[in-house]
Amino acid sequence: MVATASWSGAFTMLNESQRAKLRKARERAGLTVRQAAAAAKISHSSWAHIETGRRASDLATIRRMALVVGLELRVDLVRKR
């Protein structure tokens, strides 16, 4: 999962593709939202809102979520167009 999402200060919204990867990875891992959220040390409502694009989150939280479901968070700096 590459963090190329929309930035807003220290928070970011995952784009549709990133949210789908997160959800599919969670499902492949056999985890419910509640189980995944507990492992990532966030509330289940936070996980659900981040996974569905209703809430932005900080990169540390997104990284924990990714690790719980077997993904890696990568951040890349690119030249501004």
C-alpha atoms as a PDB file:
ATOM      1  CA  MET A   1       0.000   0.000   0.000  1.00  0.00           C
ATOM      2  CA  VAL A   2       1.628   3.237  -1.102  1.00  0.00           C
ATOM      3  CA  ALA A   3       0.465   6.402   0.645  1.00  0.00           C
ATOM      4  CA  THR A   4      -0.451   8.509  -2.359  1.00  0.00           C
ATOM      5  CA  ALA A   5      -3.685   9.623  -0.768  1.00  0.00           C
ATOM      6  CA  SER A   6      -5.071  13.104  -0.312  1.00  0.00           C
ATOM      7  CA  TRP A   7      -3.100  14.925   2.404  1.00  0.00           C
ATOM      8  CA  SER A   8      -4.550  17.251   4.974  1.00  0.00           C
ATOM      9  CA  GLY A   9      -1.929  18.294   7.511  1.00  0.00           C
ATOM     10  CA  ALA A  10      -0.770  15.286   9.502  1.00  0.00           C
ATOM     11  CA  PHE A  11      -3.759  13.224   8.406  1.00  0.00           C
ATOM     12  CA  THR A  12      -4.529  11.386   5.200  1.00  0.00           C
ATOM     13  CA  MET A  13      -7.549   9.780   3.582  1.00  0.00           C
ATOM     14  CA  LEU A  14      -6.951   6.461   1.907  1.00  0.00           C
ATOM     15  CA  ASN A  15      -8.108   6.446  -1.691  1.00  0.00           C
ATOM     16  CA  GLU A  16     -10.613   3.897  -2.998  1.00  0.00           C
ATOM     17  CA  SER A  17      -7.934   1.474  -4.172  1.00  0.00           C
ATOM     18  CA  GLN A  18      -6.075   1.616  -0.856  1.00  0.00           C
ATOM     19  CA  ARG A  19      -9.287   1.069   1.104  1.00  0.00           C
ATOM     20  CA  ALA A  20     -10.113  -1.958  -1.063  1.00  0.00           C
ATOM     21  CA  LYS A  21      -6.627  -3.411  -0.479  1.00  0.00           C
ATOM     22  CA  LEU A  22      -6.994  -2.931   3.261  1.00  0.00           C
ATOM     23  CA  ARG A  23     -10.456  -4.548   3.347  1.00  0.00           C
ATOM     24  CA  LYS A  24      -9.423  -7.495   1.137  1.00  0.00           C
ATOM     25  CA  ALA A  25      -6.286  -8.092   3.200  1.00  0.00           C
ATOM     26  CA  ARG A  26      -8.356  -8.037   6.409  1.00  0.00           C
ATOM     27  CA  GLU A  27     -10.813 -10.516   4.933  1.00  0.00           C
ATOM     28  CA  ARG A  28      -7.979 -12.771   3.665  1.00  0.00           C
ATOM     29  CA  ALA A  29      -6.512 -12.699   7.166  1.00  0.00           C
ATOM     30  CA  GLY A  30      -9.865 -13.958   8.449  1.00  0.00           C
ATOM     31  CA  LEU A  31     -10.346 -10.958  10.721  1.00  0.00           C
ATOM     32  CA  THR A  32     -13.523  -9.096  11.532  1.00  0.00           C
ATOM     33  CA  VAL A  33     -13.373  -5.330  11.849  1.00  0.00           C
ATOM     34  CA  ARG A  34     -13.533  -5.715  15.649  1.00  0.00           C
ATOM     35  CA  GLN A  35     -10.650  -8.220  15.710  1.00  0.00           C
ATOM     36  CA  ALA A  36      -8.462  -6.176  13.378  1.00  0.00           C
ATOM     37  CA  ALA A  37      -9.183  -2.973  15.269  1.00  0.00           C
ATOM     38  CA  ALA A  38      -8.314  -4.569  18.604  1.00  0.00           C
ATOM     39  CA  ALA A  39      -5.000  -5.790  17.180  1.00  0.00           C
ATOM     40  CA  ALA A  40      -4.264  -2.298  15.813  1.00  0.00           C
ATOM     41  CA  LYS A  41      -5.262  -0.728  19.156  1.00  0.00           C
ATOM     42  CA  ILE A  42      -8.025   1.439  17.691  1.00  0.00           C
ATOM     43  CA  SER A  43     -11.797   1.345  18.092  1.00  0.00           C
ATOM     44  CA  HIS A  44     -13.799  -0.807  15.713  1.00  0.00           C
ATOM     45  CA  SER A  45     -15.719   2.278  14.584  1.00  0.00           C
ATOM     46  CA  SER A  46     -12.438   4.033  13.719  1.00  0.00           C
ATOM     47  CA  TRP A  47     -11.323   1.032  11.663  1.00  0.00           C
ATOM     48  CA  ALA A  48     -14.660   0.884   9.867  1.00  0.00           C
ATOM     49  CA  HIS A  49     -14.659   4.618   9.145  1.00  0.00           C
ATOM     50  CA  ILE A  50     -11.094   4.593   7.834  1.00  0.00           C
ATOM     51  CA  GLU A  51     -11.712   1.455   5.752  1.00  0.00           C
ATOM     52  CA  THR A  52     -14.834   2.985   4.171  1.00  0.00           C
ATOM     53  CA  GLY A  53     -13.342   6.440   3.603  1.00  0.00           C
ATOM     54  CA  ARG A  54     -15.495   8.314   6.103  1.00  0.00           C
ATOM     55  CA  ARG A  55     -12.538   9.341   8.255  1.00  0.00           C
ATOM     56  CA  ALA A  56      -8.964  10.461   7.737  1.00  0.00           C
ATOM     57  CA  SER A  57      -6.227   9.084   9.936  1.00  0.00           C
ATOM     58  CA  ASP A  58      -2.605   9.668  10.815  1.00  0.00           C
ATOM     59  CA  LEU A  59       0.049   7.555   9.121  1.00  0.00           C
ATOM     60  CA  ALA A  60       1.015   5.800  12.359  1.00  0.00           C
ATOM     61  CA  THR A  61      -2.520   4.398  12.670  1.00  0.00           C
ATOM     62  CA  ILE A  62      -2.668   3.425   9.009  1.00  0.00           C
ATOM     63  CA  ARG A  63       0.692   1.678   9.402  1.00  0.00           C
ATOM     64  CA  ARG A  64      -0.604  -0.327  12.384  1.00  0.00           C
ATOM     65  CA  MET A  65      -3.715  -1.258  10.418  1.00  0.00           C
ATOM     66  CA  ALA A  66      -1.603  -2.385   7.457  1.00  0.00           C
ATOM     67  CA  LEU A  67       0.682  -4.489   9.627  1.00  0.00           C
ATOM     68  CA  VAL A  68      -2.264  -6.228  11.314  1.00  0.00           C
ATOM     69  CA  VAL A  69      -3.520  -7.486   7.947  1.00  0.00           C
ATOM     70  CA  GLY A  70      -0.116  -8.341   6.492  1.00  0.00           C
ATOM     71  CA  LEU A  71       0.458  -5.216   4.409  1.00  0.00           C
ATOM     72  CA  GLU A  72       3.321  -2.741   4.407  1.00  0.00           C
ATOM     73  CA  LEU A  73       2.842   1.020   4.354  1.00  0.00           C
ATOM     74  CA  ARG A  74       5.174   2.865   1.997  1.00  0.00           C
ATOM     75  CA  VAL A  75       5.457   6.622   1.738  1.00  0.00           C
ATOM     76  CA  ASP A  76       7.042   8.126  -1.341  1.00  0.00           C
ATOM     77  CA  LEU A  77       8.111  11.665  -2.164  1.00  0.00           C
ATOM     78  CA  VAL A  78       7.652  12.648  -5.793  1.00  0.00           C
ATOM     79  CA  ARG A  79       8.300  15.793  -7.800  1.00  0.00           C
ATOM     80  CA  LYS A  80       5.332  18.146  -7.772  1.00  0.00           C
ATOM     81  CA  ARG A  81       3.727  18.536 -11.204  1.00  0.00           C
END
